[in-house]
């Protein structure tokens, strides 16, 4: 992990296409601006973690009998 110190108005450039600029530093956090191509996904990590946790809980809590019932309706792929 690379840790950099930046001041308001200073930037970091990633891959010559993505620019991260420090916009504001306050007691509650730091505001940043991200300029990136539309093809770059930008997601907040806490949202990814939350969805991952929910998905893991759903897998653990599945009823095996319910899964068997669902699988009866799934057509099997025939080998050639």
N, C-alpha and C. Protein backbone atom coordinates (compact mmCIF):
# COMPACT_ATOMS: atom_id res chain seq x y z
N UNK A 1 0.85 -1.17 0.00
CA UNK A 1 0.00 0.00 0.00
C UNK A 1 0.90 1.24 0.00
N UNK A 2 0.55 2.17 -0.82
CA UNK A 2 1.25 3.44 -0.89
C UNK A 2 0.46 4.48 -0.11
N UNK A 3 1.10 5.18 0.79
CA UNK A 3 0.46 6.25 1.56
C UNK A 3 1.12 7.57 1.18
N UNK A 4 0.30 8.53 0.76
CA UNK A 4 0.79 9.83 0.34
C UNK A 4 0.14 10.93 1.17
N UNK A 5 0.88 11.98 1.44
CA UNK A 5 0.32 13.16 2.08
C UNK A 5 0.00 14.17 0.97
N UNK A 6 -1.18 14.74 1.01
CA UNK A 6 -1.61 15.73 0.02
C UNK A 6 -2.29 16.87 0.75
N UNK A 7 -2.21 18.06 0.19
CA UNK A 7 -2.89 19.24 0.72
C UNK A 7 -4.05 19.58 -0.20
N UNK A 8 -4.91 20.49 0.25
CA UNK A 8 -6.05 20.91 -0.57
C UNK A 8 -5.55 21.42 -1.91
N UNK A 9 -6.17 20.95 -2.97
CA UNK A 9 -5.82 21.35 -4.32
C UNK A 9 -4.76 20.47 -4.97
N UNK A 10 -4.08 19.64 -4.19
CA UNK A 10 -3.08 18.74 -4.75
C UNK A 10 -3.74 17.47 -5.26
N UNK A 11 -3.08 16.85 -6.24
CA UNK A 11 -3.68 15.70 -6.91
C UNK A 11 -2.73 14.51 -6.97
N UNK A 12 -3.32 13.38 -7.29
CA UNK A 12 -2.60 12.13 -7.55
C UNK A 12 -3.10 11.64 -8.90
N UNK A 13 -2.20 11.20 -9.77
CA UNK A 13 -2.59 10.71 -11.09
C UNK A 13 -2.33 9.20 -11.15
N UNK A 14 -3.35 8.46 -11.59
CA UNK A 14 -3.25 7.01 -11.75
C UNK A 14 -3.37 6.65 -13.22
N UNK A 15 -2.48 5.86 -13.73
CA UNK A 15 -2.54 5.36 -15.11
C UNK A 15 -2.67 6.46 -16.17
N UNK A 16 -2.21 7.63 -15.91
CA UNK A 16 -2.28 8.77 -16.84
C UNK A 16 -3.70 9.15 -17.25
N UNK A 17 -4.71 8.54 -16.64
CA UNK A 17 -6.10 8.81 -17.04
C UNK A 17 -7.00 9.20 -15.87
N UNK A 18 -6.63 8.81 -14.67
CA UNK A 18 -7.45 9.06 -13.50
C UNK A 18 -6.74 10.03 -12.58
N UNK A 19 -7.44 11.10 -12.20
CA UNK A 19 -6.87 12.13 -11.34
C UNK A 19 -7.71 12.22 -10.07
N UNK A 20 -7.06 12.12 -8.93
CA UNK A 20 -7.72 12.27 -7.63
C UNK A 20 -7.21 13.56 -7.01
N UNK A 21 -8.14 14.48 -6.71
CA UNK A 21 -7.76 15.80 -6.18
C UNK A 21 -8.40 15.98 -4.80
N UNK A 22 -7.62 16.48 -3.86
CA UNK A 22 -8.13 16.79 -2.52
C UNK A 22 -8.88 18.12 -2.62
N UNK A 23 -10.16 18.11 -2.29
CA UNK A 23 -10.99 19.32 -2.40
C UNK A 23 -11.18 20.02 -1.07
N UNK A 24 -11.30 19.24 0.01
CA UNK A 24 -11.58 19.85 1.31
C UNK A 24 -11.12 18.90 2.41
N UNK A 25 -10.57 19.47 3.47
CA UNK A 25 -10.17 18.67 4.62
C UNK A 25 -10.89 19.26 5.83
N UNK A 26 -11.69 18.44 6.48
CA UNK A 26 -12.45 18.92 7.64
C UNK A 26 -12.30 17.96 8.80
N UNK A 27 -12.93 18.29 9.91
CA UNK A 27 -12.81 17.44 11.09
C UNK A 27 -13.58 16.12 10.91
N UNK A 28 -14.57 16.10 10.01
CA UNK A 28 -15.35 14.89 9.79
C UNK A 28 -14.84 14.03 8.64
N UNK A 29 -13.85 14.51 7.89
CA UNK A 29 -13.33 13.71 6.80
C UNK A 29 -12.70 14.55 5.72
N UNK A 30 -12.40 13.89 4.63
CA UNK A 30 -11.74 14.52 3.49
C UNK A 30 -12.66 14.39 2.28
N UNK A 31 -12.83 15.47 1.53
CA UNK A 31 -13.59 15.41 0.28
C UNK A 31 -12.59 15.33 -0.86
N UNK A 32 -12.82 14.36 -1.74
CA UNK A 32 -11.95 14.20 -2.90
C UNK A 32 -12.78 14.27 -4.17
N UNK A 33 -12.14 14.67 -5.25
CA UNK A 33 -12.76 14.66 -6.57
C UNK A 33 -12.00 13.64 -7.40
N UNK A 34 -12.73 12.84 -8.16
CA UNK A 34 -12.11 11.83 -9.00
C UNK A 34 -12.52 12.07 -10.44
N UNK A 35 -11.53 12.29 -11.29
CA UNK A 35 -11.75 12.41 -12.73
C UNK A 35 -11.23 11.14 -13.36
N UNK A 36 -12.12 10.40 -14.02
CA UNK A 36 -11.73 9.13 -14.63
C UNK A 36 -12.58 8.87 -15.86
N UNK A 37 -12.10 8.03 -16.77
CA UNK A 37 -12.92 7.64 -17.92
C UNK A 37 -14.21 6.96 -17.45
N UNK A 38 -15.26 7.08 -18.24
CA UNK A 38 -16.54 6.46 -17.88
C UNK A 38 -16.43 4.95 -17.72
N UNK A 39 -15.43 4.34 -18.35
CA UNK A 39 -15.27 2.89 -18.26
C UNK A 39 -14.71 2.44 -16.91
N UNK A 40 -14.23 3.38 -16.10
CA UNK A 40 -13.66 3.04 -14.80
C UNK A 40 -14.78 3.02 -13.75
N UNK A 41 -14.92 1.89 -13.06
CA UNK A 41 -15.91 1.80 -12.00
C UNK A 41 -15.34 2.43 -10.74
N UNK A 42 -16.13 3.27 -10.10
CA UNK A 42 -15.72 3.90 -8.86
C UNK A 42 -16.80 3.57 -7.83
N UNK A 43 -16.43 2.76 -6.84
CA UNK A 43 -17.38 2.32 -5.82
C UNK A 43 -16.80 2.58 -4.44
N UNK A 44 -17.68 2.88 -3.49
CA UNK A 44 -17.24 3.04 -2.11
C UNK A 44 -17.05 1.65 -1.49
N UNK A 45 -15.93 1.44 -0.85
CA UNK A 45 -15.59 0.12 -0.32
C UNK A 45 -16.62 -0.37 0.69
N UNK A 46 -17.16 0.52 1.52
CA UNK A 46 -18.12 0.06 2.53
C UNK A 46 -19.38 -0.51 1.88
N UNK A 47 -19.75 -0.03 0.70
CA UNK A 47 -20.90 -0.61 0.00
C UNK A 47 -20.57 -2.00 -0.54
N UNK A 48 -19.39 -2.16 -1.09
CA UNK A 48 -18.96 -3.47 -1.57
C UNK A 48 -18.93 -4.46 -0.40
N UNK A 49 -18.37 -4.04 0.74
CA UNK A 49 -18.30 -4.91 1.91
C UNK A 49 -19.69 -5.29 2.40
N UNK A 50 -20.61 -4.34 2.39
CA UNK A 50 -21.98 -4.59 2.85
C UNK A 50 -22.68 -5.62 1.96
N UNK A 51 -22.56 -5.45 0.66
CA UNK A 51 -23.19 -6.39 -0.28
C UNK A 51 -22.55 -7.77 -0.14
N UNK A 52 -21.25 -7.82 0.02
CA UNK A 52 -20.56 -9.09 0.21
C UNK A 52 -21.06 -9.79 1.46
N UNK A 53 -21.21 -9.06 2.55
CA UNK A 53 -21.70 -9.64 3.80
C UNK A 53 -23.11 -10.19 3.65
N UNK A 54 -23.97 -9.43 2.98
CA UNK A 54 -25.35 -9.88 2.76
C UNK A 54 -25.37 -11.14 1.90
N UNK A 55 -24.55 -11.18 0.86
CA UNK A 55 -24.50 -12.36 0.00
C UNK A 55 -24.00 -13.58 0.76
N UNK A 56 -22.99 -13.40 1.60
CA UNK A 56 -22.48 -14.52 2.39
C UNK A 56 -23.55 -15.02 3.36
N UNK A 57 -24.27 -14.12 3.99
CA UNK A 57 -25.33 -14.51 4.91
C UNK A 57 -26.44 -15.26 4.19
N UNK A 58 -26.75 -14.86 2.97
CA UNK A 58 -27.79 -15.52 2.20
C UNK A 58 -27.39 -16.96 1.86
N UNK A 59 -26.13 -17.17 1.55
CA UNK A 59 -25.65 -18.51 1.21
C UNK A 59 -25.68 -19.41 2.44
N UNK A 60 -25.29 -18.88 3.58
CA UNK A 60 -25.24 -19.66 4.81
C UNK A 60 -26.63 -20.03 5.28
N UNK A 61 -27.60 -19.14 5.07
CA UNK A 61 -28.93 -19.35 5.62
C UNK A 61 -29.87 -20.12 4.70
N UNK A 62 -29.41 -20.57 3.56
CA UNK A 62 -30.31 -21.26 2.63
C UNK A 62 -30.69 -22.64 3.18
N UNK A 63 -31.92 -22.97 3.02
CA UNK A 63 -32.46 -24.25 3.47
C UNK A 63 -32.15 -25.30 2.40
N UNK A 64 -31.47 -26.40 2.75
CA UNK A 64 -31.12 -27.42 1.76
C UNK A 64 -32.34 -27.98 1.03
N UNK A 65 -33.46 -28.13 1.72
CA UNK A 65 -34.68 -28.64 1.07
C UNK A 65 -35.22 -27.65 0.05
N UNK A 66 -35.11 -26.37 0.36
CA UNK A 66 -35.55 -25.35 -0.59
C UNK A 66 -34.68 -25.39 -1.83
N UNK A 67 -33.37 -25.60 -1.65
CA UNK A 67 -32.46 -25.68 -2.78
C UNK A 67 -32.80 -26.87 -3.66
N UNK A 68 -33.10 -28.02 -3.06
CA UNK A 68 -33.48 -29.21 -3.84
C UNK A 68 -34.74 -28.93 -4.65
N UNK A 69 -35.70 -28.25 -4.03
CA UNK A 69 -36.94 -27.92 -4.71
C UNK A 69 -36.68 -27.00 -5.91
N UNK A 70 -35.81 -26.02 -5.73
CA UNK A 70 -35.47 -25.11 -6.82
C UNK A 70 -34.75 -25.84 -7.96
N UNK A 71 -33.86 -26.75 -7.61
CA UNK A 71 -33.07 -27.47 -8.61
C UNK A 71 -33.94 -28.37 -9.48
N UNK A 72 -35.10 -28.79 -8.98
CA UNK A 72 -36.01 -29.62 -9.79
C UNK A 72 -36.49 -28.86 -11.02
N UNK A 73 -36.52 -27.54 -10.92
CA UNK A 73 -37.02 -26.71 -12.02
C UNK A 73 -35.94 -26.24 -12.98
N UNK A 74 -34.68 -26.62 -12.70
CA UNK A 74 -33.57 -26.20 -13.55
C UNK A 74 -33.29 -27.29 -14.56
N UNK A 75 -33.41 -26.96 -15.85
CA UNK A 75 -33.13 -27.98 -16.85
C UNK A 75 -31.64 -28.34 -16.86
N UNK A 76 -31.38 -29.61 -16.94
CA UNK A 76 -29.99 -30.08 -16.99
C UNK A 76 -29.47 -29.98 -18.40
N UNK A 77 -28.23 -29.60 -18.52
CA UNK A 77 -27.58 -29.49 -19.83
C UNK A 77 -27.17 -30.89 -20.28
N UNK A 78 -27.61 -31.28 -21.45
CA UNK A 78 -27.27 -32.61 -21.97
C UNK A 78 -25.92 -32.56 -22.66
N UNK A 79 -25.09 -33.54 -22.33
CA UNK A 79 -23.78 -33.62 -22.97
C UNK A 79 -23.92 -34.24 -24.35
N UNK A 80 -23.07 -33.78 -25.28
CA UNK A 80 -23.12 -34.32 -26.65
C UNK A 80 -22.10 -35.40 -26.83
